[in-house]
Amino acid sequence: MDRNSSAFWSNQFKKFETSGLNKEKFCAREKLDRNLFHKWLKKIRPDLKGHRRSTNTTNATSSFISLKENSPEKILIKLSNGIELIFSTETSPRWIASFLSELEGARA
């Protein structure tokens, strides 16, 4: 596929979104020129322009929100690799944060 086509870059951005990598590591893995990546990103996927994959899990609990009384009985978390985790709403948010932090550490 032609690296100067929007079809090529659209495909790359789909792969990037599910890769779990930051832009620099993704470009290195896919052997892509970072300047071209950013040029095409700005052109056809401006919604990803500020997209960053954080490897810092020290503030994991700050991303949790309070559950309301009418919340569903289960918490569904979709990971970037497509795996879905389901927890009971009775599960401690701190435990879930710790679990996700361990997953992130195991992936590194």
Protein backbone atom coordinates (compact mmCIF):
# COMPACT_ATOMS: atom_id res chain seq x y z
CA MET A 1 0.00 0.00 0.00
CA ASP A 2 1.24 3.47 -0.91
CA ARG A 3 2.62 5.30 2.16
CA ASN A 4 1.44 8.58 0.64
CA SER A 5 -2.21 7.56 0.61
CA SER A 6 -4.85 8.46 3.17
CA ALA A 7 -5.94 4.79 3.15
CA PHE A 8 -2.49 3.71 4.34
CA TRP A 9 -2.44 6.28 7.14
CA SER A 10 -6.03 5.60 8.19
CA ASN A 11 -5.03 1.98 8.65
CA GLN A 12 -1.93 2.99 10.62
CA PHE A 13 -3.98 5.20 12.95
CA LYS A 14 -6.43 2.36 13.62
CA LYS A 15 -3.48 0.13 14.51
CA PHE A 16 -2.00 2.91 16.66
CA GLU A 17 -5.21 3.36 18.66
CA THR A 18 -5.26 -0.30 19.66
CA SER A 19 -1.50 -0.74 20.06
CA GLY A 20 -1.17 0.59 23.59
CA LEU A 21 1.99 2.40 22.49
CA ASN A 22 2.86 6.07 22.43
CA LYS A 23 3.48 7.71 19.06
CA GLU A 24 7.26 7.37 19.16
CA LYS A 25 7.25 3.66 20.05
CA PHE A 26 4.52 2.92 17.52
CA CYS A 27 6.44 4.67 14.74
CA ALA A 28 9.61 2.79 15.68
CA ARG A 29 7.80 -0.56 15.71
CA GLU A 30 6.08 0.08 12.37
CA LYS A 31 9.17 1.74 10.84
CA LEU A 32 7.26 4.95 10.15
CA ASP A 33 8.73 8.40 9.80
CA ARG A 34 7.51 10.37 12.86
CA ASN A 35 7.23 13.62 10.90
CA LEU A 36 5.00 11.96 8.29
CA PHE A 37 3.00 10.31 11.06
CA HIS A 38 2.31 13.71 12.64
CA LYS A 39 1.59 15.35 9.26
CA TRP A 40 -1.03 12.72 8.34
CA LEU A 41 -2.38 12.63 11.86
CA LYS A 42 -3.09 16.34 11.74
CA LYS A 43 -4.57 16.00 8.25
CA ILE A 44 -6.94 13.05 8.61
CA ARG A 45 -7.23 12.27 12.34
CA PRO A 46 -7.08 15.55 14.28
CA ASP A 47 -9.04 13.83 17.07
CA LEU A 48 -5.88 11.86 17.89
CA LYS A 49 -3.54 14.86 17.82
CA GLY A 50 -3.19 15.08 21.60
CA HIS A 51 -3.64 11.34 22.08
CA ARG A 52 -1.14 9.98 24.55
CA ARG A 53 -0.75 6.54 26.05
CA SER A 54 0.25 7.06 29.64
CA THR A 55 2.62 4.61 31.29
CA ASN A 56 2.35 6.42 34.62
CA THR A 57 -0.03 4.46 36.84
CA THR A 58 0.68 6.24 40.11
CA ASN A 59 -2.51 8.30 39.76
CA ALA A 60 -4.69 5.41 38.67
CA THR A 61 -7.35 6.09 41.30
CA SER A 62 -7.84 9.67 40.06
CA SER A 63 -9.51 8.41 36.89
CA PHE A 64 -12.33 6.70 38.77
CA ILE A 65 -15.69 8.34 39.17
CA SER A 66 -18.26 7.89 41.90
CA LEU A 67 -20.97 5.39 41.12
CA LYS A 68 -24.54 6.62 41.44
CA GLU A 69 -27.32 4.59 43.01
CA ASN A 70 -28.81 3.79 39.62
CA SER A 71 -25.48 2.53 38.22
CA PRO A 72 -25.44 -0.86 36.51
CA GLU A 73 -24.56 -3.89 38.60
CA LYS A 74 -21.31 -4.40 36.70
CA ILE A 75 -18.34 -2.27 35.73
CA LEU A 76 -16.99 -2.95 32.24
CA ILE A 77 -13.46 -1.84 31.38
CA LYS A 78 -12.29 -2.21 27.78
CA LEU A 79 -8.53 -2.37 27.38
CA SER A 80 -6.72 -1.04 24.32
CA ASN A 81 -5.93 -4.60 23.19
CA GLY A 82 -9.63 -5.48 23.03
CA ILE A 83 -9.84 -7.44 26.27
CA GLU A 84 -12.89 -6.60 28.38
CA LEU A 85 -12.79 -6.83 32.17
CA ILE A 86 -16.03 -7.04 34.15
CA PHE A 87 -16.20 -6.22 37.86
CA SER A 88 -19.07 -6.11 40.31
CA THR A 89 -19.96 -2.59 41.46
CA GLU A 90 -19.15 -3.87 44.95
CA THR A 91 -15.49 -4.21 43.95
CA SER A 92 -13.33 -1.55 45.56
CA PRO A 93 -12.22 1.13 43.06
CA ARG A 94 -8.81 1.10 44.77
CA TRP A 95 -8.52 -2.64 44.18
CA ILE A 96 -9.46 -2.21 40.52
CA ALA A 97 -6.87 0.57 40.19
CA SER A 98 -4.24 -1.66 41.82
CA PHE A 99 -5.19 -4.54 39.51
CA LEU A 100 -4.93 -2.34 36.41
CA SER A 101 -1.60 -0.99 37.63
CA GLU A 102 -0.28 -4.56 37.98
CA LEU A 103 -1.49 -5.35 34.45
CA GLU A 104 0.31 -2.29 33.12
CA GLY A 105 3.50 -3.30 34.96
CA ALA A 106 3.32 -6.83 33.57
CA ARG A 107 2.93 -5.45 30.04
CA ALA A 108 6.03 -3.26 30.25
